[in-house]
Amino acid sequence: MKGNRVVVGVFGYLDDAIAAVEAAKQEGLEYKVYSPVPNHHLDDATSTDRGPVRFISGIGAVTGLTAGFALAIMCSLDYPLRTSAKAIVSVPGFVVIGYECTILFGAIATLTALVLLCGLPNVLRNAGYDPRFSRDKFGVLIGCDSRKTEEVKNRLLEIGAEEVEVEDGL
Protein backbone atom coordinates (compact mmCIF):
# COMPACT_ATOMS: atom_id res chain seq x y z
CA MET A 1 0.00 0.00 0.00
CA LYS A 2 1.11 3.54 -0.59
CA GLY A 3 2.32 5.52 2.36
CA ASN A 4 4.25 4.44 5.40
CA ARG A 5 1.22 3.85 7.66
CA VAL A 6 -1.81 1.60 7.45
CA VAL A 7 -4.98 2.66 9.25
CA VAL A 8 -7.11 -0.39 10.05
CA GLY A 9 -10.82 0.11 10.67
CA VAL A 10 -12.89 -2.74 12.14
CA PHE A 11 -16.56 -2.55 11.19
CA GLY A 12 -19.46 -4.63 12.40
CA TYR A 13 -21.85 -3.56 9.64
CA LEU A 14 -21.51 -3.77 5.88
CA ASP A 15 -22.99 -0.31 5.28
CA ASP A 16 -20.32 1.31 7.45
CA ALA A 17 -17.54 -0.55 5.63
CA ILE A 18 -18.92 0.60 2.26
CA ALA A 19 -19.08 4.18 3.54
CA ALA A 20 -15.42 3.92 4.60
CA VAL A 21 -14.48 2.67 1.12
CA GLU A 22 -16.35 5.57 -0.48
CA ALA A 23 -14.57 8.03 1.82
CA ALA A 24 -11.18 6.56 0.90
CA LYS A 25 -12.06 6.86 -2.79
CA GLN A 26 -13.03 10.52 -2.37
CA GLU A 27 -9.72 11.27 -0.67
CA GLY A 28 -7.79 9.38 -3.35
CA LEU A 29 -6.25 6.98 -0.85
CA GLU A 30 -5.34 3.38 -1.53
CA TYR A 31 -7.45 0.87 0.39
CA LYS A 32 -7.99 -2.84 0.90
CA VAL A 33 -11.15 -4.52 2.19
CA TYR A 34 -11.52 -7.79 4.10
CA SER A 35 -14.95 -9.37 4.37
CA PRO A 36 -16.18 -12.52 6.13
CA VAL A 37 -18.72 -13.20 3.35
CA PRO A 38 -18.90 -12.35 -0.35
CA ASN A 39 -21.27 -9.46 -1.03
CA HIS A 40 -22.11 -7.83 -4.35
CA HIS A 41 -22.65 -4.41 -2.76
CA LEU A 42 -19.08 -4.48 -1.48
CA ASP A 43 -17.84 -5.62 -4.89
CA ASP A 44 -19.63 -2.72 -6.56
CA ALA A 45 -18.15 -0.25 -4.08
CA THR A 46 -14.57 -1.48 -4.44
CA SER A 47 -14.34 -2.06 -8.18
CA THR A 48 -16.22 -1.11 -11.29
CA ASP A 49 -14.40 -3.34 -13.75
CA ARG A 50 -14.37 -7.10 -14.03
CA GLY A 51 -11.31 -9.26 -13.65
CA PRO A 52 -9.70 -11.27 -16.42
CA VAL A 53 -10.37 -14.68 -14.84
CA ARG A 54 -13.48 -15.41 -16.90
CA PHE A 55 -11.66 -14.47 -20.13
CA ILE A 56 -8.81 -16.83 -19.22
CA SER A 57 -11.38 -19.55 -18.43
CA GLY A 58 -12.93 -19.10 -21.86
CA ILE A 59 -9.54 -19.30 -23.56
CA GLY A 60 -8.82 -22.52 -21.65
CA ALA A 61 -12.19 -23.99 -22.63
CA VAL A 62 -11.75 -23.20 -26.34
CA THR A 63 -8.22 -24.61 -26.23
CA GLY A 64 -9.57 -27.77 -24.59
CA LEU A 65 -12.30 -28.17 -27.21
CA THR A 66 -9.76 -27.79 -30.00
CA ALA A 67 -7.29 -30.15 -28.33
CA GLY A 68 -9.98 -32.77 -27.67
CA PHE A 69 -11.19 -32.86 -31.25
CA ALA A 70 -7.62 -32.73 -32.59
CA LEU A 71 -6.60 -35.65 -30.36
CA ALA A 72 -9.52 -37.80 -31.46
CA ILE A 73 -9.14 -36.94 -35.15
CA MET A 74 -5.38 -37.50 -35.17
CA CYS A 75 -5.76 -40.84 -33.39
CA SER A 76 -8.40 -42.02 -35.85
CA LEU A 77 -6.24 -40.96 -38.82
CA ASP A 78 -3.16 -42.61 -37.33
CA TYR A 79 -4.94 -45.93 -36.77
CA PRO A 80 -7.86 -46.06 -39.21
CA LEU A 81 -10.57 -48.65 -38.52
CA ARG A 82 -13.56 -48.65 -40.81
CA THR A 83 -16.81 -49.74 -39.27
CA SER A 84 -20.00 -50.13 -41.29
CA ALA A 85 -18.70 -48.10 -44.21
CA LYS A 86 -18.53 -44.94 -42.09
CA ALA A 87 -15.94 -42.24 -42.61
CA ILE A 88 -12.67 -42.52 -40.73
CA VAL A 89 -13.17 -39.06 -39.19
CA SER A 90 -16.69 -39.16 -37.78
CA VAL A 91 -17.27 -35.95 -35.81
CA PRO A 92 -20.31 -37.08 -33.75
CA GLY A 93 -18.20 -39.77 -32.13
CA PHE A 94 -15.64 -37.21 -31.01
CA VAL A 95 -18.04 -34.82 -29.27
CA VAL A 96 -17.68 -36.53 -25.90
CA ILE A 97 -13.88 -36.28 -25.99
CA GLY A 98 -14.08 -32.63 -27.06
CA TYR A 99 -16.58 -31.87 -24.29
CA GLU A 100 -14.49 -33.54 -21.60
CA CYS A 101 -11.31 -31.72 -22.68
CA THR A 102 -13.26 -28.45 -22.70
CA ILE A 103 -14.21 -28.95 -19.05
CA LEU A 104 -10.72 -30.12 -18.07
CA PHE A 105 -8.78 -27.32 -19.74
CA GLY A 106 -11.30 -24.68 -18.64
CA ALA A 107 -11.05 -25.81 -15.02
CA ILE A 108 -7.25 -25.87 -15.08
CA ALA A 109 -7.11 -22.41 -16.68
CA THR A 110 -9.56 -21.04 -14.09
CA LEU A 111 -7.62 -22.48 -11.17
CA THR A 112 -4.32 -21.18 -12.55
CA ALA A 113 -5.78 -17.70 -13.12
CA LEU A 114 -7.21 -17.58 -9.59
CA VAL A 115 -3.91 -18.61 -8.03
CA LEU A 116 -1.84 -16.16 -10.08
CA LEU A 117 -4.14 -13.14 -10.17
CA CYS A 118 -5.63 -13.31 -6.69
CA GLY A 119 -2.32 -13.84 -4.92
CA LEU A 120 -3.28 -17.20 -3.49
CA PRO A 121 -2.12 -18.66 -1.20
CA ASN A 122 -1.29 -15.73 1.03
CA VAL A 123 1.29 -17.37 3.26
CA LEU A 124 2.54 -14.15 4.80
CA ARG A 125 -0.27 -12.11 6.30
CA ASN A 126 -0.15 -8.49 5.26
CA ALA A 127 -0.03 -5.59 7.68
CA GLY A 128 -3.42 -4.90 9.15
CA TYR A 129 -4.98 -8.32 8.78
CA ASP A 130 -7.03 -9.49 11.75
CA PRO A 131 -8.51 -13.02 12.03
CA ARG A 132 -11.86 -11.46 12.94
CA PHE A 133 -12.15 -10.34 9.31
CA SER A 134 -12.63 -13.98 8.37
CA ARG A 135 -15.24 -14.62 11.05
CA ASP A 136 -17.68 -11.78 11.71
CA LYS A 137 -16.16 -8.32 11.10
CA PHE A 138 -15.41 -6.21 8.04
CA GLY A 139 -11.98 -4.65 7.75
CA VAL A 140 -11.00 -1.57 5.76
CA LEU A 141 -7.27 -0.86 5.49
CA ILE A 142 -6.24 2.55 4.23
CA GLY A 143 -2.67 3.38 3.33
CA CYS A 144 -1.56 6.94 4.06
CA ASP A 145 1.36 9.11 5.11
CA SER A 146 2.16 9.90 8.74
CA ARG A 147 0.70 13.39 8.32
CA LYS A 148 -2.78 12.13 7.41
CA THR A 149 -2.97 9.30 9.94
CA GLU A 150 -5.01 11.17 12.56
CA GLU A 151 -7.36 12.61 9.94
CA VAL A 152 -8.07 9.18 8.44
CA LYS A 153 -8.43 7.63 11.89
CA ASN A 154 -11.00 10.25 12.97
CA ARG A 155 -12.88 9.89 9.68
CA LEU A 156 -13.21 6.12 10.18
CA LEU A 157 -14.47 6.64 13.72
CA GLU A 158 -17.06 9.15 12.42
CA ILE A 159 -18.26 6.65 9.83
CA GLY A 160 -18.86 3.97 12.47
CA ALA A 161 -15.73 1.93 13.03
CA GLU A 162 -15.77 -0.13 16.22
CA GLU A 163 -11.97 -0.02 16.48
CA VAL A 164 -9.25 1.85 14.61
CA GLU A 165 -5.58 0.92 14.75
CA VAL A 166 -2.55 2.47 13.09
CA GLU A 167 0.21 0.13 11.96
CA ASP A 168 3.45 0.53 10.06
CA GLY A 169 2.99 -0.19 6.36
CA LEU A 170 5.06 -2.65 4.40
C-alpha atoms as a PDB file:
ATOM      1  CA  MET A   1       0.000   0.000   0.000  1.00  0.00           C
ATOM      2  CA  LYS A   2       1.109   3.537  -0.594  1.00  0.00           C
ATOM      3  CA  GLY A   3       2.322   5.516   2.361  1.00  0.00           C
ATOM      4  CA  ASN A   4       4.246   4.442   5.397  1.00  0.00           C
ATOM      5  CA  ARG A   5       1.225   3.851   7.665  1.00  0.00           C
ATOM      6  CA  VAL A   6      -1.811   1.596   7.450  1.00  0.00           C
ATOM      7  CA  VAL A   7      -4.985   2.662   9.252  1.00  0.00           C
ATOM      8  CA  VAL A   8      -7.114  -0.390  10.051  1.00  0.00           C
ATOM      9  CA  GLY A   9     -10.822   0.110  10.670  1.00  0.00           C
ATOM     10  CA  VAL A  10     -12.886  -2.741  12.139  1.00  0.00           C
ATOM     11  CA  PHE A  11     -16.556  -2.553  11.185  1.00  0.00           C
ATOM     12  CA  GLY A  12     -19.464  -4.629  12.399  1.00  0.00           C
ATOM     13  CA  TYR A  13     -21.854  -3.562   9.637  1.00  0.00           C
ATOM     14  CA  LEU A  14     -21.513  -3.773   5.875  1.00  0.00           C
ATOM     15  CA  ASP A  15     -22.991  -0.309   5.279  1.00  0.00           C
ATOM     16  CA  ASP A  16     -20.323   1.307   7.452  1.00  0.00           C
ATOM     17  CA  ALA A  17     -17.545  -0.554   5.629  1.00  0.00           C
ATOM     18  CA  ILE A  18     -18.923   0.596   2.262  1.00  0.00           C
ATOM     19  CA  ALA A  19     -19.082   4.176   3.542  1.00  0.00           C
ATOM     20  CA  ALA A  20     -15.415   3.919   4.595  1.00  0.00           C
ATOM     21  CA  VAL A  21     -14.479   2.673   1.120  1.00  0.00           C
ATOM     22  CA  GLU A  22     -16.353   5.574  -0.480  1.00  0.00           C
ATOM     23  CA  ALA A  23     -14.573   8.028   1.824  1.00  0.00           C
ATOM     24  CA  ALA A  24     -11.179   6.561   0.904  1.00  0.00           C
ATOM     25  CA  LYS A  25     -12.056   6.862  -2.790  1.00  0.00           C
ATOM     26  CA  GLN A  26     -13.029  10.519  -2.370  1.00  0.00           C
ATOM     27  CA  GLU A  27      -9.721  11.267  -0.667  1.00  0.00           C
ATOM     28  CA  GLY A  28      -7.789   9.384  -3.349  1.00  0.00           C
ATOM     29  CA  LEU A  29      -6.255   6.979  -0.849  1.00  0.00           C
ATOM     30  CA  GLU A  30      -5.337   3.380  -1.530  1.00  0.00           C
ATOM     31  CA  TYR A  31      -7.454   0.866   0.391  1.00  0.00           C
ATOM     32  CA  LYS A  32      -7.986  -2.844   0.896  1.00  0.00           C
ATOM     33  CA  VAL A  33     -11.145  -4.523   2.189  1.00  0.00           C
ATOM     34  CA  TYR A  34     -11.517  -7.789   4.103  1.00  0.00           C
ATOM     35  CA  SER A  35     -14.953  -9.369   4.372  1.00  0.00           C
ATOM     36  CA  PRO A  36     -16.180 -12.524   6.131  1.00  0.00           C
ATOM     37  CA  VAL A  37     -18.720 -13.196   3.354  1.00  0.00           C
ATOM     38  CA  PRO A  38     -18.902 -12.352  -0.347  1.00  0.00           C
ATOM     39  CA  ASN A  39     -21.267  -9.465  -1.026  1.00  0.00           C
ATOM     40  CA  HIS A  40     -22.112  -7.834  -4.350  1.00  0.00           C
ATOM     41  CA  HIS A  41     -22.648  -4.406  -2.761  1.00  0.00           C
ATOM     42  CA  LEU A  42     -19.075  -4.480  -1.479  1.00  0.00           C
ATOM     43  CA  ASP A  43     -17.842  -5.623  -4.888  1.00  0.00           C
ATOM     44  CA  ASP A  44     -19.628  -2.724  -6.563  1.00  0.00           C
ATOM     45  CA  ALA A  45     -18.148  -0.252  -4.084  1.00  0.00           C
ATOM     46  CA  THR A  46     -14.573  -1.480  -4.442  1.00  0.00           C
ATOM     47  CA  SER A  47     -14.339  -2.064  -8.177  1.00  0.00           C
ATOM     48  CA  THR A  48     -16.222  -1.108 -11.293  1.00  0.00           C
ATOM     49  CA  ASP A  49     -14.396  -3.340 -13.752  1.00  0.00           C
ATOM     50  CA  ARG A  50     -14.366  -7.099 -14.032  1.00  0.00           C
ATOM     51  CA  GLY A  51     -11.307  -9.257 -13.647  1.00  0.00           C
ATOM     52  CA  PRO A  52      -9.703 -11.274 -16.420  1.00  0.00           C
ATOM     53  CA  VAL A  53     -10.370 -14.676 -14.837  1.00  0.00           C
ATOM     54  CA  ARG A  54     -13.481 -15.409 -16.904  1.00  0.00           C
ATOM     55  CA  PHE A  55     -11.661 -14.469 -20.126  1.00  0.00           C
ATOM     56  CA  ILE A  56      -8.813 -16.831 -19.219  1.00  0.00           C
ATOM     57  CA  SER A  57     -11.381 -19.551 -18.431  1.00  0.00           C
ATOM     58  CA  GLY A  58     -12.929 -19.101 -21.864  1.00  0.00           C
ATOM     59  CA  ILE A  59      -9.540 -19.302 -23.563  1.00  0.00           C
ATOM     60  CA  GLY A  60      -8.822 -22.522 -21.652  1.00  0.00           C
ATOM     61  CA  ALA A  61     -12.193 -23.994 -22.631  1.00  0.00           C
ATOM     62  CA  VAL A  62     -11.752 -23.197 -26.342  1.00  0.00           C
ATOM     63  CA  THR A  63      -8.224 -24.606 -26.226  1.00  0.00           C
ATOM     64  CA  GLY A  64      -9.571 -27.773 -24.592  1.00  0.00           C
ATOM     65  CA  LEU A  65     -12.296 -28.167 -27.207  1.00  0.00           C
ATOM     66  CA  THR A  66      -9.765 -27.792 -30.000  1.00  0.00           C
ATOM     67  CA  ALA A  67      -7.293 -30.152 -28.325  1.00  0.00           C
ATOM     68  CA  GLY A  68      -9.977 -32.775 -27.670  1.00  0.00           C
ATOM     69  CA  PHE A  69     -11.194 -32.856 -31.255  1.00  0.00           C
ATOM     70  CA  ALA A  70      -7.621 -32.735 -32.586  1.00  0.00           C
ATOM     71  CA  LEU A  71      -6.598 -35.652 -30.362  1.00  0.00           C
ATOM     72  CA  ALA A  72      -9.521 -37.798 -31.465  1.00  0.00           C
ATOM     73  CA  ILE A  73      -9.141 -36.938 -35.149  1.00  0.00           C
ATOM     74  CA  MET A  74      -5.379 -37.500 -35.175  1.00  0.00           C
ATOM     75  CA  CYS A  75      -5.757 -40.843 -33.385  1.00  0.00           C
ATOM     76  CA  SER A  76      -8.398 -42.021 -35.850  1.00  0.00           C
ATOM     77  CA  LEU A  77      -6.236 -40.956 -38.818  1.00  0.00           C
ATOM     78  CA  ASP A  78      -3.160 -42.614 -37.332  1.00  0.00           C
ATOM     79  CA  TYR A  79      -4.937 -45.925 -36.766  1.00  0.00           C
ATOM     80  CA  PRO A  80      -7.861 -46.064 -39.210  1.00  0.00           C
ATOM     81  CA  LEU A  81     -10.572 -48.649 -38.520  1.00  0.00           C
ATOM     82  CA  ARG A  82     -13.559 -48.652 -40.813  1.00  0.00           C
ATOM     83  CA  THR A  83     -16.815 -49.735 -39.272  1.00  0.00           C
ATOM     84  CA  SER A  84     -20.002 -50.134 -41.287  1.00  0.00           C
ATOM     85  CA  ALA A  85     -18.702 -48.103 -44.210  1.00  0.00           C
ATOM     86  CA  LYS A  86     -18.529 -44.939 -42.089  1.00  0.00           C
ATOM     87  CA  ALA A  87     -15.944 -42.240 -42.612  1.00  0.00           C
ATOM     88  CA  ILE A  88     -12.675 -42.518 -40.725  1.00  0.00           C
ATOM     89  CA  VAL A  89     -13.167 -39.056 -39.185  1.00  0.00           C
ATOM     90  CA  SER A  90     -16.686 -39.162 -37.776  1.00  0.00           C
ATOM     91  CA  VAL A  91     -17.268 -35.951 -35.806  1.00  0.00           C
ATOM     92  CA  PRO A  92     -20.311 -37.081 -33.748  1.00  0.00           C
ATOM     93  CA  GLY A  93     -18.195 -39.775 -32.132  1.00  0.00           C
ATOM     94  CA  PHE A  94     -15.636 -37.209 -31.015  1.00  0.00           C
ATOM     95  CA  VAL A  95     -18.043 -34.825 -29.274  1.00  0.00           C
ATOM     96  CA  VAL A  96     -17.680 -36.529 -25.903  1.00  0.00           C
ATOM     97  CA  ILE A  97     -13.882 -36.280 -25.988  1.00  0.00           C
ATOM     98  CA  GLY A  98     -14.077 -32.628 -27.059  1.00  0.00           C
ATOM     99  CA  TYR A  99     -16.576 -31.871 -24.287  1.00  0.00           C
ATOM    100  CA  GLU A 100     -14.488 -33.541 -21.596  1.00  0.00           C
ATOM    101  CA  CYS A 101     -11.312 -31.725 -22.683  1.00  0.00           C
ATOM    102  CA  THR A 102     -13.260 -28.448 -22.696  1.00  0.00           C
ATOM    103  CA  ILE A 103     -14.215 -28.953 -19.049  1.00  0.00           C
ATOM    104  CA  LEU A 104     -10.722 -30.120 -18.071  1.00  0.00           C
ATOM    105  CA  PHE A 105      -8.777 -27.317 -19.743  1.00  0.00           C
ATOM    106  CA  GLY A 106     -11.301 -24.676 -18.643  1.00  0.00           C
ATOM    107  CA  ALA A 107     -11.048 -25.806 -15.020  1.00  0.00           C
ATOM    108  CA  ILE A 108      -7.247 -25.874 -15.082  1.00  0.00           C
ATOM    109  CA  ALA A 109      -7.115 -22.411 -16.676  1.00  0.00           C
ATOM    110  CA  THR A 110      -9.564 -21.038 -14.086  1.00  0.00           C
ATOM    111  CA  LEU A 111      -7.619 -22.482 -11.167  1.00  0.00           C
ATOM    112  CA  THR A 112      -4.322 -21.178 -12.554  1.00  0.00           C
ATOM    113  CA  ALA A 113      -5.782 -17.700 -13.120  1.00  0.00           C
ATOM    114  CA  LEU A 114      -7.208 -17.584  -9.595  1.00  0.00           C
ATOM    115  CA  VAL A 115      -3.915 -18.607  -8.027  1.00  0.00           C
ATOM    116  CA  LEU A 116      -1.836 -16.165 -10.075  1.00  0.00           C
ATOM    117  CA  LEU A 117      -4.135 -13.141 -10.172  1.00  0.00           C
ATOM    118  CA  CYS A 118      -5.626 -13.310  -6.691  1.00  0.00           C
ATOM    119  CA  GLY A 119      -2.316 -13.840  -4.923  1.00  0.00           C
ATOM    120  CA  LEU A 120      -3.281 -17.202  -3.487  1.00  0.00           C
ATOM    121  CA  PRO A 121      -2.120 -18.663  -1.200  1.00  0.00           C
ATOM    122  CA  ASN A 122      -1.287 -15.733   1.034  1.00  0.00           C
ATOM    123  CA  VAL A 123       1.293 -17.375   3.264  1.00  0.00           C
ATOM    124  CA  LEU A 124       2.544 -14.150   4.801  1.00  0.00           C
ATOM    125  CA  ARG A 125      -0.265 -12.109   6.296  1.00  0.00           C
ATOM    126  CA  ASN A 126      -0.155  -8.490   5.262  1.00  0.00           C
ATOM    127  CA  ALA A 127      -0.032  -5.594   7.679  1.00  0.00           C
ATOM    128  CA  GLY A 128      -3.420  -4.896   9.152  1.00  0.00           C
ATOM    129  CA  TYR A 129      -4.980  -8.325   8.776  1.00  0.00           C
ATOM    130  CA  ASP A 130      -7.030  -9.494  11.753  1.00  0.00           C
ATOM    131  CA  PRO A 131      -8.509 -13.019  12.035  1.00  0.00           C
ATOM    132  CA  ARG A 132     -11.861 -11.456  12.936  1.00  0.00           C
ATOM    133  CA  PHE A 133     -12.148 -10.337   9.312  1.00  0.00           C
ATOM    134  CA  SER A 134     -12.631 -13.977   8.365  1.00  0.00           C
ATOM    135  CA  ARG A 135     -15.242 -14.615  11.054  1.00  0.00           C
ATOM    136  CA  ASP A 136     -17.683 -11.779  11.709  1.00  0.00           C
ATOM    137  CA  LYS A 137     -16.163  -8.322  11.095  1.00  0.00           C
ATOM    138  CA  PHE A 138     -15.413  -6.207   8.041  1.00  0.00           C
ATOM    139  CA  GLY A 139     -11.983  -4.647   7.751  1.00  0.00           C
ATOM    140  CA  VAL A 140     -10.998  -1.575   5.764  1.00  0.00           C
ATOM    141  CA  LEU A 141      -7.273  -0.863   5.493  1.00  0.00           C
ATOM    142  CA  ILE A 142      -6.243   2.552   4.228  1.00  0.00           C
ATOM    143  CA  GLY A 143      -2.665   3.376   3.334  1.00  0.00           C
ATOM    144  CA  CYS A 144      -1.564   6.939   4.065  1.00  0.00           C
ATOM    145  CA  ASP A 145       1.363   9.112   5.111  1.00  0.00           C
ATOM    146  CA  SER A 146       2.158   9.895   8.737  1.00  0.00           C
ATOM    147  CA  ARG A 147       0.698  13.394   8.318  1.00  0.00           C
ATOM    148  CA  LYS A 148      -2.776  12.130   7.409  1.00  0.00           C
ATOM    149  CA  THR A 149      -2.968   9.300   9.936  1.00  0.00           C
ATOM    150  CA  GLU A 150      -5.011  11.169  12.558  1.00  0.00           C
ATOM    151  CA  GLU A 151      -7.356  12.609   9.944  1.00  0.00           C
ATOM    152  CA  VAL A 152      -8.068   9.180   8.439  1.00  0.00           C
ATOM    153  CA  LYS A 153      -8.433   7.630  11.889  1.00  0.00           C
ATOM    154  CA  ASN A 154     -10.996  10.245  12.969  1.00  0.00           C
ATOM    155  CA  ARG A 155     -12.880   9.889   9.685  1.00  0.00           C
ATOM    156  CA  LEU A 156     -13.212   6.115  10.183  1.00  0.00           C
ATOM    157  CA  LEU A 157     -14.475   6.636  13.720  1.00  0.00           C
ATOM    158  CA  GLU A 158     -17.061   9.147  12.422  1.00  0.00           C
ATOM    159  CA  ILE A 159     -18.257   6.651   9.834  1.00  0.00           C
ATOM    160  CA  GLY A 160     -18.858   3.971  12.467  1.00  0.00           C
ATOM    161  CA  ALA A 161     -15.727   1.925  13.034  1.00  0.00           C
ATOM    162  CA  GLU A 162     -15.769  -0.132  16.218  1.00  0.00           C
ATOM    163  CA  GLU A 163     -11.966  -0.017  16.478  1.00  0.00           C
ATOM    164  CA  VAL A 164      -9.252   1.847  14.610  1.00  0.00           C
ATOM    165  CA  GLU A 165      -5.584   0.922  14.752  1.00  0.00           C
ATOM    166  CA  VAL A 166      -2.550   2.471  13.091  1.00  0.00           C
ATOM    167  CA  GLU A 167       0.214   0.132  11.960  1.00  0.00           C
ATOM    168  CA  ASP A 168       3.450   0.527  10.058  1.00  0.00           C
ATOM    169  CA  GLY A 169       2.986  -0.188   6.363  1.00  0.00           C
ATOM    170  CA  LEU A 170       5.056  -2.655   4.399  1.00  0.00           C
END
